[in-house]
Amino acid sequence: QVQFVESGGGLVQPGGSLRLACAASGFRFSIYSMRWYRQAPGKERELVASITGAGTITNYADSVKGRFTISRDNAKSTVYLQMNSLKPEDTAVYYCRAFGVSSDYWGQGTQVTVSS
């Protein structure tokens, strides 16, 4: 059974930092590309960052480039999103996704709120 445990969300002031974690189980984590998405109220879900199975290639949305860093630890079946210099427009529910050739799985989401 595929399961995700997302953690690290919360309330932070503008300019602050958060580190999201998504711990996976029930599938062969290391062969899946991992992605972080976010969805703000009234907006479509958008891709924030992605990382290949081996962790050698990463990609970012222009809106977060230079501020967010995606990483993974295959030994722990966990993907991370380090978010620095947070802005109010980063407020959203953040989701992890395991993306494979023939299947993909979504986490349950964690709320990030950036506000003073």
Protein backbone atom coordinates (compact mmCIF):
# COMPACT_ATOMS: atom_id res chain seq x y z
CA GLN A 1 0.00 0.00 0.00
CA VAL A 2 1.39 3.35 -1.08
CA GLN A 3 1.62 5.91 1.69
CA PHE A 4 3.08 9.38 2.08
CA VAL A 5 3.71 11.34 5.23
CA GLU A 6 4.21 15.02 4.51
CA SER A 7 5.54 17.33 7.19
CA GLY A 8 7.18 20.69 7.76
CA GLY A 9 4.40 23.04 6.74
CA GLY A 10 3.18 25.87 8.90
CA LEU A 11 3.01 29.63 9.37
CA VAL A 12 6.12 31.69 8.66
CA GLN A 13 6.84 35.39 8.26
CA PRO A 14 7.91 36.83 4.91
CA GLY A 15 11.62 36.26 4.40
CA GLY A 16 11.58 33.15 6.55
CA SER A 17 12.34 29.53 5.74
CA LEU A 18 10.63 26.16 5.93
CA ARG A 19 11.71 22.65 5.02
CA LEU A 20 9.07 20.27 3.75
CA ALA A 21 9.55 16.52 3.87
CA CYS A 22 7.61 13.75 2.16
CA ALA A 23 8.33 10.24 3.43
CA ALA A 24 7.10 7.49 1.10
CA SER A 25 6.45 3.79 1.45
CA GLY A 26 4.83 0.98 -0.51
CA PHE A 27 6.67 1.40 -3.79
CA ARG A 28 10.21 1.42 -5.14
CA PHE A 29 10.99 5.03 -4.32
CA SER A 30 14.41 5.26 -5.97
CA ILE A 31 13.14 4.67 -9.52
CA TYR A 32 10.51 7.40 -9.38
CA SER A 33 11.00 11.02 -10.28
CA MET A 34 9.70 13.10 -7.37
CA ARG A 35 7.88 16.39 -7.72
CA TRP A 36 6.52 19.12 -5.48
CA TYR A 37 3.37 20.94 -6.53
CA ARG A 38 1.41 23.68 -4.84
CA GLN A 39 -2.12 24.98 -5.06
CA ALA A 40 -3.19 28.35 -3.77
CA PRO A 41 -6.85 29.18 -3.07
CA GLY A 42 -8.72 29.81 -6.32
CA LYS A 43 -5.74 28.84 -8.47
CA GLU A 44 -4.69 25.78 -10.42
CA ARG A 45 -2.17 23.34 -9.04
CA GLU A 46 1.31 24.18 -10.33
CA LEU A 47 4.59 22.29 -10.52
CA VAL A 48 7.19 23.83 -8.22
CA ALA A 49 10.19 21.53 -8.46
CA SER A 50 11.23 18.09 -9.67
CA ILE A 51 14.13 15.70 -9.14
CA THR A 52 15.14 12.54 -10.97
CA GLY A 53 15.33 9.14 -9.27
CA ALA A 54 19.06 9.32 -8.75
CA GLY A 55 18.84 12.94 -7.69
CA THR A 56 21.16 14.12 -10.43
CA ILE A 57 18.80 16.47 -12.27
CA THR A 58 16.54 19.09 -10.73
CA ASN A 59 14.18 21.63 -12.24
CA TYR A 60 12.30 24.57 -10.77
CA ALA A 61 9.48 26.90 -11.64
CA ASP A 62 10.75 30.38 -12.46
CA SER A 63 8.83 31.77 -9.49
CA VAL A 64 10.93 29.78 -6.98
CA LYS A 65 14.27 29.50 -8.74
CA GLY A 66 17.11 30.56 -6.47
CA ARG A 67 14.92 30.34 -3.34
CA PHE A 68 13.77 26.70 -3.20
CA THR A 69 15.89 23.55 -3.30
CA ILE A 70 14.58 20.04 -3.89
CA SER A 71 16.57 17.05 -2.68
CA ARG A 72 16.03 13.39 -1.86
CA ASP A 73 17.39 10.63 0.34
CA ASN A 74 16.65 7.30 -1.31
CA ALA A 75 17.85 5.38 1.74
CA LYS A 76 15.04 7.04 3.70
CA SER A 77 12.55 7.14 0.78
CA THR A 78 12.11 10.83 1.45
CA VAL A 79 12.04 13.94 -0.71
CA TYR A 80 12.59 17.42 0.68
CA LEU A 81 11.82 20.97 -0.34
CA GLN A 82 13.93 23.65 1.33
CA MET A 83 12.16 26.98 0.97
CA ASN A 84 14.03 30.20 1.72
CA SER A 85 13.16 33.88 1.35
CA LEU A 86 9.48 33.01 1.48
CA LYS A 87 6.93 35.44 0.11
CA PRO A 88 3.20 35.81 0.77
CA GLU A 89 2.56 34.52 -2.75
CA ASP A 90 4.16 31.20 -1.75
CA THR A 91 1.14 30.54 0.46
CA ALA A 92 -0.47 27.31 -0.74
CA VAL A 93 -1.02 23.65 -0.01
CA TYR A 94 2.11 21.81 -1.08
CA TYR A 95 1.89 18.26 -2.46
CA CYS A 96 4.54 15.69 -3.26
CA ARG A 97 4.10 13.37 -6.21
CA ALA A 98 5.93 10.23 -7.27
CA PHE A 99 5.97 10.23 -11.06
CA GLY A 100 6.70 7.01 -12.91
CA VAL A 101 6.41 5.65 -16.43
CA SER A 102 3.20 3.76 -15.77
CA SER A 103 2.00 5.02 -12.42
CA ASP A 104 2.12 7.99 -10.13
CA TYR A 105 1.13 8.71 -6.56
CA TRP A 106 0.20 11.87 -4.66
CA GLY A 107 0.75 12.92 -1.09
CA GLN A 108 -2.04 14.40 1.01
CA GLY A 109 -0.63 17.93 1.09
CA THR A 110 0.72 20.25 3.75
CA GLN A 111 -0.28 23.87 4.27
CA VAL A 112 2.30 26.63 4.00
CA THR A 113 1.21 30.13 5.02
CA VAL A 114 3.51 33.12 4.63
CA SER A 115 2.17 36.10 6.52
CA SER A 116 3.22 38.76 8.99
